[in-house]
Protein backbone atom coordinates (compact mmCIF):
# COMPACT_ATOMS: atom_id res chain seq x y z
CA MET A 1 103.39 85.17 23.73
CA PRO A 2 99.98 85.48 22.37
CA LYS A 3 98.23 84.79 25.77
CA ALA A 4 99.69 87.71 26.72
CA LYS A 5 97.94 89.23 23.66
CA LYS A 6 94.47 88.06 24.93
CA ARG A 7 95.07 88.86 28.83
CA ASN A 8 95.65 92.64 27.43
CA THR A 9 92.96 92.67 25.05
CA LYS A 10 90.49 91.36 27.76
CA SER A 11 91.97 94.02 30.18
CA ALA A 12 91.73 96.46 27.39
CA ARG A 13 88.19 95.60 27.12
CA GLY A 14 87.47 95.56 30.82
CA LYS A 15 88.72 99.64 31.06
CA LYS A 16 86.32 100.57 28.17
CA ARG A 17 83.42 98.59 29.59
CA SER A 18 84.47 100.79 33.16
CA SER A 19 84.73 103.50 31.56
CA ASN A 20 81.70 103.71 29.44
CA LYS A 21 79.77 103.16 32.50
CA LYS A 22 81.23 106.15 34.06
CA ASN A 23 80.05 108.12 31.17
CA ASN A 24 76.68 106.82 31.00
CA GLU A 25 76.76 107.26 34.84
CA THR A 26 77.39 110.98 34.80
CA PRO A 27 74.71 112.53 32.70
CA LEU A 28 72.11 110.35 34.83
CA ARG A 29 73.98 112.14 38.08
CA PHE A 30 73.83 115.54 36.66
CA GLY A 31 70.24 115.23 35.56
CA LEU A 32 68.89 113.78 38.93
CA ALA A 33 71.03 116.84 40.52
CA ILE A 34 69.29 119.58 38.89
CA ILE A 35 66.14 117.95 39.84
CA PHE A 36 66.68 117.65 43.75
CA VAL A 37 68.82 121.37 43.25
CA VAL A 38 64.92 122.96 41.76
CA LEU A 39 63.09 121.03 44.39
CA LEU A 40 65.23 122.53 47.16
CA MET A 41 65.22 125.89 45.66
CA LEU A 42 61.39 125.73 45.70
CA GLY A 43 61.59 124.63 49.14
CA ILE A 44 63.80 127.58 50.43
CA PHE A 45 61.94 129.93 48.76
CA GLN A 46 58.32 128.44 49.35
CA LEU A 47 57.16 128.76 45.64
CA GLY A 48 54.00 127.13 44.98
CA ILE A 49 52.22 124.69 47.18
CA VAL A 50 55.43 121.95 45.83
CA GLY A 51 57.91 124.78 47.31
CA ILE A 52 55.62 125.03 50.80
CA GLY A 53 55.50 121.19 51.08
CA ILE A 54 58.89 120.63 51.10
CA ASP A 55 59.40 123.18 53.43
CA SER A 56 56.81 122.26 55.81
CA PHE A 57 58.72 118.63 55.64
CA PHE A 58 61.57 120.22 56.56
CA ASN A 59 60.80 122.34 59.12
CA TYR A 60 58.70 119.41 60.77
CA LEU A 61 61.78 117.13 60.86
CA PHE A 62 64.69 120.17 61.40
CA GLY A 63 62.95 123.18 62.42
CA TRP A 64 64.97 126.86 61.95
CA ALA A 65 67.69 124.08 61.72
CA ARG A 66 66.51 123.12 58.04
CA TYR A 67 68.38 126.30 56.51
CA LEU A 68 71.48 124.64 57.24
CA VAL A 69 70.31 121.23 55.87
CA TYR A 70 69.14 122.90 52.82
CA VAL A 71 73.10 124.05 51.98
CA LEU A 72 74.40 120.58 53.13
CA PHE A 73 72.11 118.74 50.68
CA MET A 74 73.13 121.57 48.12
CA LEU A 75 76.99 120.70 48.64
CA ALA A 76 76.18 116.91 48.79
CA ILE A 77 74.19 117.26 45.66
CA GLY A 78 77.13 119.20 43.94
CA PHE A 79 79.52 116.24 45.35
CA LEU A 80 78.03 113.86 44.05
CA ALA A 81 77.19 114.95 40.91
CA TYR A 82 80.82 116.00 39.75
CA ASN A 83 82.44 112.80 41.89
CA GLY A 84 80.12 110.34 42.33
CA LYS A 85 80.77 110.29 46.82
CA LEU A 86 80.95 112.74 49.43
CA PRO A 87 84.28 113.90 50.71
CA LYS A 88 85.83 112.47 53.83
CA THR A 89 87.21 115.59 55.44
CA ARG A 90 86.79 117.11 59.10
CA ARG A 91 84.64 120.47 57.52
CA LEU A 92 81.61 117.45 56.65
CA THR A 93 82.09 116.25 59.90
CA GLY A 94 82.01 119.31 61.57
CA SER A 95 78.67 120.35 59.29
CA ILE A 96 77.63 117.48 60.65
CA PHE A 97 77.84 118.44 64.14
CA LEU A 98 77.04 121.83 63.87
CA ALA A 99 73.57 120.76 62.30
CA ILE A 100 72.78 118.47 65.54
CA ALA A 101 74.32 121.67 67.65
CA LEU A 102 71.73 123.73 66.24
CA LEU A 103 69.25 121.13 66.40
CA PHE A 104 69.60 121.58 70.20
CA VAL A 105 70.20 125.42 70.01
CA PHE A 106 66.73 125.92 68.84
CA GLN A 107 64.65 123.52 70.79
CA LEU A 108 65.92 124.59 73.93
CA TYR A 109 65.13 128.58 73.00
CA TYR A 110 61.83 127.21 71.62
CA LEU A 111 60.97 125.85 75.12
CA LEU A 112 62.08 128.82 76.70
CA MET A 113 59.75 131.13 74.80
CA SER A 114 57.12 128.84 73.87
CA GLY A 115 56.57 126.68 77.18
CA GLU A 116 53.79 124.30 77.08
CA GLN A 117 53.58 124.46 72.97
CA ALA A 118 57.24 123.14 72.46
CA LYS A 119 56.55 120.12 74.87
CA ARG A 120 53.93 118.77 72.12
CA GLU A 121 55.26 116.73 69.47
CA PRO A 122 55.59 118.82 65.92
CA VAL A 123 52.59 116.94 63.60
CA LEU A 124 53.24 117.21 59.80
CA SER A 125 49.62 118.21 58.75
CA TYR A 126 49.53 120.88 61.29
CA VAL A 127 53.08 122.62 60.58
CA TYR A 128 51.69 122.42 57.06
CA LYS A 129 48.54 124.41 57.86
CA SER A 130 50.56 126.79 59.80
CA TYR A 131 51.67 128.19 56.66
CA GLN A 132 48.74 129.89 56.05
CA LEU A 133 49.30 132.16 59.22
CA SER A 134 53.25 132.84 58.92
CA TYR A 135 55.90 132.73 56.40
CA PHE A 136 58.44 131.18 58.96
CA PRO A 137 56.68 129.41 61.44
CA ASN A 138 58.45 128.51 64.66
CA PHE A 139 58.42 124.92 65.78
CA GLY A 140 62.27 124.98 67.20
CA GLY A 141 64.29 122.56 66.55
CA GLY A 142 61.40 119.95 64.53
CA LEU A 143 60.83 116.68 65.29
CA PHE A 144 64.90 115.62 65.70
CA GLY A 145 65.21 118.63 68.11
CA TYR A 146 61.96 117.38 69.99
CA TYR A 147 62.93 113.87 70.51
CA LEU A 148 66.91 114.84 71.35
CA VAL A 149 66.02 117.37 74.12
CA GLU A 150 62.75 114.79 75.47
CA LEU A 151 65.28 111.64 75.63
CA LEU A 152 68.08 113.78 77.01
CA THR A 153 66.74 115.83 79.29
CA PRO A 154 65.73 112.81 81.88
CA LEU A 155 68.95 111.22 81.78
CA ILE A 156 71.01 114.29 82.20
CA SER A 157 68.79 117.20 83.08
CA ILE A 158 68.30 120.24 81.05
CA ALA A 159 72.04 121.91 82.39
CA GLY A 160 73.17 118.48 80.67
CA VAL A 161 71.78 118.61 77.52
CA VAL A 162 72.82 122.67 77.17
CA LEU A 163 76.40 121.58 78.27
CA VAL A 164 76.02 118.64 75.75
CA THR A 165 75.00 121.69 73.24
CA LEU A 166 77.69 123.83 73.67
CA LEU A 167 80.34 121.16 73.31
CA LEU A 168 78.95 120.17 69.94
CA LEU A 169 79.18 123.97 68.88
CA ILE A 170 83.03 124.05 70.18
CA SER A 171 83.65 121.00 68.32
CA SER A 172 81.85 121.97 65.20
CA VAL A 173 83.99 125.06 65.04
CA ILE A 174 87.43 122.91 65.38
CA LEU A 175 86.19 120.87 62.80
CA LEU A 176 84.91 123.36 60.22
CA GLN A 177 88.37 124.86 60.81
CA LYS A 178 90.55 121.76 59.71
CA LYS A 179 91.93 121.15 63.59
CA ARG A 180 92.58 118.70 65.55
CA HIS A 181 90.93 118.63 69.06
CA ARG A 182 94.11 117.37 70.51
CA ASP A 183 96.01 120.35 69.26
CA VAL A 184 93.17 122.84 69.99
CA SER A 185 92.93 121.66 73.93
CA LYS A 186 96.94 121.48 74.23
CA SER A 187 96.94 125.29 72.73
CA VAL A 188 94.17 126.26 75.33
CA PHE A 189 95.85 124.51 77.67
CA GLU A 190 99.36 125.90 77.36
CA LYS A 191 97.33 129.55 76.96
CA SER A 192 95.73 128.97 80.54
CA LYS A 193 98.54 127.84 82.15
CA SER A 194 100.72 131.03 80.96
CA ARG A 195 97.68 133.44 82.17
CA MET A 196 97.60 131.79 85.22
CA PHE A 197 101.59 132.43 85.52
CA LYS A 198 101.35 136.18 84.40
CA ALA A 199 98.38 136.85 87.12
CA TYR A 200 100.37 135.04 89.91
CA THR A 201 103.36 136.75 89.36
CA SER A 202 102.16 140.24 88.80
CA TYR A 203 99.63 139.62 92.20
CA HIS A 204 103.38 138.49 93.73
CA THR A 205 105.12 141.42 93.15
CA HIS A 206 102.03 143.99 93.89
CA SER A 207 101.91 142.07 97.32
CA GLU A 208 105.76 142.15 97.60
CA LYS A 209 105.65 146.54 96.66
CA ARG A 210 102.65 146.49 99.00
CA LYS A 211 104.95 145.57 101.63
CA LEU A 212 107.97 147.33 100.97
CA LYS A 213 105.66 150.26 101.67
CA ARG A 214 104.24 149.28 104.81
CA ASN A 215 107.80 148.46 105.74
CA GLU A 216 108.73 151.86 104.88
CA LYS A 217 105.78 153.60 106.56
CA ARG A 218 106.96 151.74 110.04
CA GLU A 219 110.65 152.83 109.81
CA LEU A 220 109.27 156.63 108.99
CA LYS A 221 107.31 156.36 111.94
């Protein structure tokens, strides 16, 4: 019996230590979260030299997709501050897919509009200096978008890159709606099948009516 009591006291001490650790970690997490949120807000609104430096760095890496990355970072900071971990949900995966898809979209648009300039790898110092000429300098999908398109174009052609972009966009929309790809594809297949059947039946009835009219005209003659 006394041995059991010792075990109980040890387990109670362990629980107290773990709870104390959690209590000590929580203020630290919130403090770091506030610092990161302030830095991100400086970057989003380009406030001062620090804000321009942060935004130019994000622009260098992600281009126009940086605004979605800002939002994702804000959400991630909030989850880490409150829960200490990121949620393993479909929406998180869908958001990541959407960010990758936007890298492709903005880089392809940049290639279409800027031509030779878009074929050059972005340089961080040049991106930073471009803020002196414009508040919103265009660098497409940034460094990540540049390398994604540059690496995939020789492998699957520009048409294949466009197809991959569309698939990523569709997949991100499905995941953000908390749906399964299998269920969505099944419903799309069933809807297309029913539409094809309706189109076939309407065409068949229309052709039958035309035949009847022709036969009636022949009989009248």
